[in-house]
Amino acid sequence: MGRVGRAETIEISRKWLQWLKSQEIVKGKLATIGWCFGDGWALSEATVEPVDAAVVYYGRVNYPTGELRYLKGPVMGHFATHDMLINRDMVTLFELAC
């Protein structure tokens, strides 16, 4: 997880989503989904390339507010209530920023 930089994540995400959108088999809506480390990817993808929705399960959502303004679709988040790392304060700030 520590070996993948934010800029690299964003560029990889953008390219994959653009590729998916160009595929004939992809029809209708496109969403991102991720768990834990993949949660960060799912949310990053949704901020760099418009998608219809993003679903995140247990992951860090402490994104700068400026990045979250690029979200075009709804975000559904699932979080634990007794977690020390992904805590209620982090989630509340995320909800307010969206």
Protein backbone atom coordinates (compact mmCIF):
# COMPACT_ATOMS: atom_id res chain seq x y z
CA MET A 1 0.00 0.00 0.00
CA GLY A 2 2.82 2.41 0.79
CA ARG A 3 4.48 1.84 -2.56
CA VAL A 4 1.75 3.36 -4.71
CA GLY A 5 1.81 7.14 -4.83
CA ARG A 6 -1.27 9.32 -5.15
CA ALA A 7 -0.29 10.68 -8.58
CA GLU A 8 0.30 7.15 -9.88
CA THR A 9 -3.04 5.98 -8.47
CA ILE A 10 -4.87 8.82 -10.16
CA GLU A 11 -3.22 8.26 -13.53
CA ILE A 12 -3.81 4.50 -13.50
CA SER A 13 -7.44 5.01 -12.44
CA ARG A 14 -8.10 7.57 -15.14
CA LYS A 15 -6.68 5.34 -17.86
CA TRP A 16 -8.63 2.25 -16.77
CA LEU A 17 -11.93 4.10 -16.53
CA GLN A 18 -11.43 5.74 -19.91
CA TRP A 19 -10.62 2.31 -21.37
CA LEU A 20 -13.74 0.79 -19.79
CA LYS A 21 -15.94 3.55 -21.15
CA SER A 22 -14.57 2.93 -24.65
CA GLN A 23 -15.53 -0.76 -24.63
CA GLU A 24 -18.57 -1.76 -26.64
CA ILE A 25 -19.62 -4.26 -23.98
CA VAL A 26 -19.95 -1.49 -21.37
CA LYS A 27 -23.45 -0.10 -21.70
CA GLY A 28 -25.33 2.13 -19.34
CA LYS A 29 -23.94 3.17 -16.02
CA LEU A 30 -20.45 2.71 -14.59
CA ALA A 31 -19.55 2.66 -10.90
CA THR A 32 -16.46 2.07 -8.80
CA ILE A 33 -16.34 -0.13 -5.70
CA GLY A 34 -13.60 -0.92 -3.24
CA TRP A 35 -12.77 -2.43 0.14
CA CYS A 36 -10.04 -1.19 2.50
CA PHE A 37 -7.06 -0.23 0.26
CA GLY A 38 -9.30 -0.64 -2.78
CA ASP A 39 -11.70 1.83 -1.17
CA GLY A 40 -9.13 4.56 -1.74
CA TRP A 41 -8.82 3.53 -5.38
CA ALA A 42 -12.59 3.50 -5.87
CA LEU A 43 -12.93 6.98 -4.42
CA SER A 44 -9.89 8.32 -6.30
CA GLU A 45 -11.27 6.96 -9.55
CA ALA A 46 -14.58 8.69 -8.95
CA THR A 47 -12.83 12.03 -8.41
CA VAL A 48 -10.69 11.92 -11.56
CA GLU A 49 -13.03 10.40 -14.13
CA PRO A 50 -16.80 10.89 -13.92
CA VAL A 51 -18.67 7.74 -12.91
CA ASP A 52 -22.32 7.24 -12.07
CA ALA A 53 -21.66 6.11 -8.49
CA ALA A 54 -18.98 4.97 -6.06
CA VAL A 55 -19.27 2.46 -3.24
CA VAL A 56 -16.66 2.34 -0.49
CA TYR A 57 -16.27 -0.24 2.26
CA TYR A 58 -14.04 0.49 5.21
CA GLY A 59 -11.35 2.77 3.92
CA ARG A 60 -9.79 6.12 4.54
CA VAL A 61 -12.00 8.93 3.34
CA ASN A 62 -9.94 11.85 4.56
CA TYR A 63 -9.64 13.49 1.17
CA PRO A 64 -9.03 17.19 0.68
CA THR A 65 -12.38 18.89 0.12
CA GLY A 66 -11.13 20.30 -3.18
CA GLU A 67 -10.75 16.81 -4.65
CA LEU A 68 -14.21 15.69 -3.58
CA ARG A 69 -15.88 18.45 -5.58
CA TYR A 70 -15.11 16.45 -8.73
CA LEU A 71 -17.46 13.65 -7.68
CA LYS A 72 -20.32 13.52 -10.19
CA GLY A 73 -22.37 10.62 -8.86
CA PRO A 74 -23.54 9.51 -5.42
CA VAL A 75 -21.18 7.82 -2.97
CA MET A 76 -22.33 5.04 -0.66
CA GLY A 77 -20.00 4.42 2.28
CA HIS A 78 -19.96 1.49 4.71
CA PHE A 79 -17.98 1.93 7.92
CA ALA A 80 -17.53 0.20 11.27
CA THR A 81 -18.79 2.01 14.35
CA HIS A 82 -16.02 0.94 16.73
CA ASP A 83 -13.00 1.40 14.49
CA MET A 84 -10.10 3.46 15.80
CA LEU A 85 -8.56 4.25 12.39
CA ILE A 86 -11.57 5.00 10.20
CA ASN A 87 -13.50 6.74 12.94
CA ARG A 88 -16.75 8.66 13.13
CA ASP A 89 -14.99 12.05 12.98
CA MET A 90 -13.29 11.15 9.68
CA VAL A 91 -16.54 9.88 8.20
CA THR A 92 -18.48 12.94 9.36
CA LEU A 93 -15.95 15.30 7.76
CA PHE A 94 -16.18 13.26 4.57
CA GLU A 95 -19.99 13.44 4.58
CA LEU A 96 -19.89 17.20 5.07
CA ALA A 97 -17.36 17.63 2.26
CA CYS A 98 -19.46 15.66 -0.22
